């Protein structure tokens, strides 16, 4: 799945939200300089934000399609899995990873980051958390059960209440922090949180959905059914909704 997001890199870049300016500013304030390595840079969303803040950014991504899109946007990218990437002696002030660190081995990735960070450099891995309105979630789940029964798109039944997106991501970032501790070379990891919101029209939400998880691998016809059902639910809500977002980060400074 990690390399399925490049199927429609243009849509991914258009629909995926950027990161809070406060997050970028806090990472840079806690870093010794402005040389940034972006792990799993994708289409360059966060890379462009760091560049706009005055950073020299190098991206690493395993997907040639995403890398090519990022290059067109001005980001220098080398194609490789981070664990296999050769830094050729280069060092950085910050290693960042937006919405991608869960595809990296948490211990090997943190150890690799420690090797390419100068003393005092910062590792910061982060991602967005959101839970759509219940009407949207119900329509999505019903459509997935119908068109993709037994797939990972269908939530398990009978095991008690499903975990919220925040609970899932808090566990994910706890794993990232544990990986940083096990790798060694860093101070005690911190967890940062940024709360914000964004309004979506029906069309904006349906544009975002095909860039997420298993929908990137669903065939066009069943995917269209899922989108139609979710779109009808949003229409019934008045054509849009405001999504509360939380951006979480696990971060530590190299000793």
Protein backbone atom coordinates (compact mmCIF):
# COMPACT_ATOMS: atom_id res chain seq x y z
CA UNK A 1 0.00 0.00 0.00
CA UNK A 2 2.89 2.38 0.74
CA UNK A 3 3.57 2.70 -2.98
CA UNK A 4 -0.07 2.85 -4.08
CA UNK A 5 -0.46 6.56 -3.31
CA UNK A 6 1.42 7.52 -6.46
CA UNK A 7 -1.40 6.21 -8.66
CA UNK A 8 -2.73 9.77 -8.83
CA UNK A 9 0.01 12.01 -7.49
CA UNK A 10 -1.68 15.17 -8.76
CA UNK A 11 -4.87 14.42 -6.82
CA UNK A 12 -2.84 13.49 -3.74
CA UNK A 13 -1.02 16.80 -3.78
CA UNK A 14 -4.19 18.77 -4.46
CA UNK A 15 -6.41 17.11 -1.88
CA UNK A 16 -4.12 16.31 1.04
CA UNK A 17 -3.97 19.17 3.58
CA UNK A 18 -0.71 20.90 4.47
CA UNK A 19 0.69 20.92 8.00
CA UNK A 20 0.14 23.67 10.59
CA UNK A 21 2.58 26.55 10.24
CA UNK A 22 3.04 26.32 14.03
CA UNK A 23 4.41 22.78 13.63
CA UNK A 24 6.96 23.84 11.01
CA UNK A 25 8.00 26.83 13.13
CA UNK A 26 8.38 24.73 16.28
CA UNK A 27 10.54 22.12 14.53
CA UNK A 28 12.82 24.79 13.11
CA UNK A 29 13.04 26.67 16.42
CA UNK A 30 14.22 23.41 18.04
CA UNK A 31 16.77 22.62 15.29
CA UNK A 32 20.32 23.99 14.93
CA UNK A 33 19.95 25.03 11.31
CA UNK A 34 17.93 24.88 8.12
CA UNK A 35 19.17 21.72 6.33
CA UNK A 36 16.15 19.37 6.27
CA UNK A 37 15.79 15.77 5.15
CA UNK A 38 12.18 14.83 4.37
CA UNK A 39 11.61 11.07 4.66
CA UNK A 40 8.72 9.77 2.56
CA UNK A 41 8.33 13.21 1.03
CA UNK A 42 5.59 12.11 -1.38
CA UNK A 43 4.56 14.94 -3.65
CA UNK A 44 6.45 17.49 -1.58
CA UNK A 45 3.65 18.96 0.54
CA UNK A 46 5.68 19.48 3.73
CA UNK A 47 8.92 19.92 1.77
CA UNK A 48 7.50 23.04 0.14
CA UNK A 49 6.39 24.35 3.54
CA UNK A 50 9.89 23.93 4.97
CA UNK A 51 11.41 25.48 1.84
CA UNK A 52 9.08 28.47 2.20
CA UNK A 53 10.40 28.85 5.76
CA UNK A 54 13.93 29.22 4.41
CA UNK A 55 15.14 25.61 4.51
CA UNK A 56 17.24 23.63 2.06
CA UNK A 57 15.19 20.43 1.71
CA UNK A 58 16.17 17.03 0.34
CA UNK A 59 13.41 14.47 -0.06
CA UNK A 60 13.65 10.68 -0.03
CA UNK A 61 10.77 8.57 -1.33
CA UNK A 62 10.47 5.02 -2.74
CA UNK A 63 7.83 5.95 -5.34
CA UNK A 64 9.21 7.34 -8.61
CA UNK A 65 5.83 8.88 -9.51
CA UNK A 66 5.58 10.84 -6.29
CA UNK A 67 9.23 11.85 -6.56
CA UNK A 68 8.79 13.17 -10.09
CA UNK A 69 5.78 15.25 -9.03
CA UNK A 70 7.74 16.67 -6.09
CA UNK A 71 10.64 17.57 -8.39
CA UNK A 72 8.28 19.50 -10.65
CA UNK A 73 7.32 21.52 -7.57
CA UNK A 74 10.93 22.38 -6.85
CA UNK A 75 11.89 19.70 -4.33
CA UNK A 76 15.10 17.73 -4.81
CA UNK A 77 14.25 14.04 -4.33
CA UNK A 78 16.25 10.82 -4.25
CA UNK A 79 14.31 7.60 -4.88
CA UNK A 80 14.90 4.95 -2.21
CA UNK A 81 13.47 3.37 0.89
CA UNK A 82 14.86 5.35 3.79
CA UNK A 83 16.40 2.28 5.41
CA UNK A 84 18.34 1.61 2.16
CA UNK A 85 19.13 5.22 1.23
CA UNK A 86 22.81 6.25 1.08
CA UNK A 87 23.40 9.70 2.58
CA UNK A 88 26.93 9.82 1.06
CA UNK A 89 28.29 11.58 4.13
CA UNK A 90 25.67 14.32 4.20
CA UNK A 91 24.32 15.60 7.52
CA UNK A 92 21.17 17.54 8.37
CA UNK A 93 19.74 19.79 11.04
CA UNK A 94 16.32 18.11 10.96
CA UNK A 95 14.91 14.85 9.70
CA UNK A 96 11.15 15.13 9.22
CA UNK A 97 8.48 12.75 8.00
CA UNK A 98 4.88 13.73 7.35
CA UNK A 99 2.24 11.01 7.21
CA UNK A 100 4.89 8.44 6.24
CA UNK A 101 6.90 7.19 9.23
CA UNK A 102 4.55 4.22 9.78
CA UNK A 103 5.99 2.80 6.53
CA UNK A 104 9.52 2.97 8.02
CA UNK A 105 10.91 0.48 10.55
CA UNK A 106 10.61 2.52 13.78
CA UNK A 107 13.96 1.43 15.23
CA UNK A 108 16.06 1.15 12.05
CA UNK A 109 14.57 4.42 10.79
CA UNK A 110 15.37 6.29 13.99
CA UNK A 111 18.89 4.84 14.03
CA UNK A 112 19.39 5.98 10.42
CA UNK A 113 18.10 9.45 11.32
CA UNK A 114 20.56 9.65 14.23
CA UNK A 115 23.43 8.88 11.84
CA UNK A 116 22.55 11.72 9.45
CA UNK A 117 21.71 14.36 12.07
CA UNK A 118 24.35 16.67 13.45
CA UNK A 119 24.56 17.06 17.22
CA UNK A 120 21.42 18.83 18.43
CA UNK A 121 19.59 17.99 15.20
CA UNK A 122 15.96 17.04 15.48
CA UNK A 123 13.92 14.06 14.31
CA UNK A 124 10.24 14.97 13.96
CA UNK A 125 7.63 12.56 12.58
CA UNK A 126 4.07 13.79 12.31
CA UNK A 127 0.66 13.18 10.82
CA UNK A 128 -2.93 14.33 10.69
CA UNK A 129 -5.72 12.71 12.69
CA UNK A 130 -9.39 13.14 11.89
CA UNK A 131 -12.73 11.47 12.41
CA UNK A 132 -15.36 12.43 9.81
CA UNK A 133 -18.93 13.09 10.92
CA UNK A 134 -20.82 9.93 11.89
CA UNK A 135 -23.11 10.24 8.85
CA UNK A 136 -20.10 10.22 6.52
CA UNK A 137 -18.45 7.31 8.30
CA UNK A 138 -21.67 5.27 8.29
CA UNK A 139 -22.15 5.79 4.55
CA UNK A 140 -18.54 4.88 3.84
CA UNK A 141 -18.66 1.70 5.93
CA UNK A 142 -21.97 0.59 4.39
CA UNK A 143 -20.66 1.08 0.87
CA UNK A 144 -17.40 -0.74 1.61
CA UNK A 145 -19.25 -3.70 3.10
CA UNK A 146 -21.26 -3.94 -0.10
CA UNK A 147 -18.53 -3.49 -2.71
CA UNK A 148 -15.48 -4.89 -0.89
CA UNK A 149 -16.67 -7.43 1.70
CA UNK A 150 -13.86 -9.02 3.65
CA UNK A 151 -11.35 -6.35 2.67
CA UNK A 152 -9.35 -4.12 5.00
CA UNK A 153 -11.76 -1.32 4.12
CA UNK A 154 -14.51 -2.98 6.16
CA UNK A 155 -14.25 -2.40 9.92
CA UNK A 156 -14.35 -5.53 12.09
CA UNK A 157 -17.68 -6.32 13.67
CA UNK A 158 -18.50 -7.58 17.13
CA UNK A 159 -15.30 -6.55 18.88
CA UNK A 160 -16.72 -3.66 20.84
CA UNK A 161 -16.56 -0.02 19.76
CA UNK A 162 -14.10 0.90 17.05
CA UNK A 163 -11.13 3.00 18.06
CA UNK A 164 -11.20 6.64 17.08
CA UNK A 165 -8.66 8.03 14.67
CA UNK A 166 -7.02 9.85 17.58
CA UNK A 167 -6.64 6.61 19.56
CA UNK A 168 -5.14 4.84 16.54
CA UNK A 169 -2.65 7.62 15.89
CA UNK A 170 -1.72 8.06 19.54
CA UNK A 171 -0.76 4.38 19.59
CA UNK A 172 1.14 4.82 16.30
CA UNK A 173 3.14 7.75 17.64
CA UNK A 174 3.80 5.94 20.91
CA UNK A 175 5.38 3.21 18.74
CA UNK A 176 7.45 5.86 16.96
CA UNK A 177 8.63 7.25 20.30
CA UNK A 178 9.55 3.75 21.50
CA UNK A 179 11.56 3.23 18.30
CA UNK A 180 13.47 6.46 18.95
CA UNK A 181 14.29 5.31 22.49
CA UNK A 182 15.41 1.87 21.32
CA UNK A 183 17.58 3.30 18.53
CA UNK A 184 19.59 5.38 20.99
CA UNK A 185 21.42 8.59 20.28
CA UNK A 186 18.45 10.83 21.11
CA UNK A 187 17.13 12.60 24.16
CA UNK A 188 13.76 11.59 25.56
CA UNK A 189 11.08 11.85 22.84
CA UNK A 190 8.33 14.44 23.17
CA UNK A 191 4.83 14.36 21.74
CA UNK A 192 3.42 17.56 20.30
CA UNK A 193 -0.20 18.26 19.38
CA UNK A 194 -1.75 20.91 17.15
CA UNK A 195 -5.54 21.35 16.86
CA UNK A 196 -7.15 23.02 13.87
CA UNK A 197 -10.12 22.59 11.53
CA UNK A 198 -10.99 22.73 7.86
CA UNK A 199 -14.29 23.03 6.03
CA UNK A 200 -14.98 20.59 3.20
CA UNK A 201 -17.52 20.84 0.45
CA UNK A 202 -18.92 17.60 -0.92
CA UNK A 203 -16.58 17.72 -3.92
CA UNK A 204 -13.51 18.53 -1.82
CA UNK A 205 -14.11 15.53 0.47
CA UNK A 206 -14.74 13.19 -2.45
CA UNK A 207 -11.50 14.45 -4.01
CA UNK A 208 -9.58 13.56 -0.84
CA UNK A 209 -11.07 10.11 -0.27
CA UNK A 210 -9.35 8.27 -3.17
CA UNK A 211 -5.96 9.32 -1.76
CA UNK A 212 -6.50 7.39 1.48
CA UNK A 213 -5.59 3.87 2.51
CA UNK A 214 -7.22 0.98 0.70
CA UNK A 215 -9.24 3.22 -1.64
CA UNK A 216 -6.03 3.80 -3.61
CA UNK A 217 -6.13 0.10 -4.58
CA UNK A 218 -9.87 -0.31 -5.16
CA UNK A 219 -10.98 -0.75 -8.77
CA UNK A 220 -12.68 2.29 -10.38
CA UNK A 221 -16.24 0.93 -10.42
CA UNK A 222 -16.50 -0.05 -6.74
CA UNK A 223 -14.61 3.08 -5.74
CA UNK A 224 -17.17 5.17 -7.62
CA UNK A 225 -19.96 3.41 -5.66
CA UNK A 226 -18.30 4.27 -2.37
CA UNK A 227 -17.86 7.89 -3.39
CA UNK A 228 -21.47 8.16 -4.58
CA UNK A 229 -22.83 6.86 -1.28
CA UNK A 230 -20.64 9.18 0.76
CA UNK A 231 -21.53 12.08 -1.51
CA UNK A 232 -25.24 11.44 -0.95
CA UNK A 233 -24.66 11.49 2.81
CA UNK A 234 -22.87 14.84 2.56
CA UNK A 235 -25.65 16.23 0.38
CA UNK A 236 -28.12 15.26 3.11
CA UNK A 237 -26.01 17.22 5.60
CA UNK A 238 -26.28 20.37 3.51
CA UNK A 239 -23.41 19.84 1.10
CA UNK A 240 -20.44 20.16 3.41
CA UNK A 241 -19.03 19.90 6.93
CA UNK A 242 -16.25 21.25 9.11
CA UNK A 243 -13.63 18.69 10.05
CA UNK A 244 -11.74 19.00 13.34
CA UNK A 245 -8.12 17.98 12.76
CA UNK A 246 -5.36 17.08 15.18
CA UNK A 247 -1.75 16.97 13.99
CA UNK A 248 0.43 14.81 16.23
CA UNK A 249 4.22 14.67 16.27
CA UNK A 250 6.78 12.46 17.94
CA UNK A 251 10.10 14.28 18.16
CA UNK A 252 13.50 14.14 19.82
CA UNK A 253 16.87 15.86 19.61
CA UNK A 254 20.05 13.99 18.78
CA UNK A 255 22.47 13.97 21.70
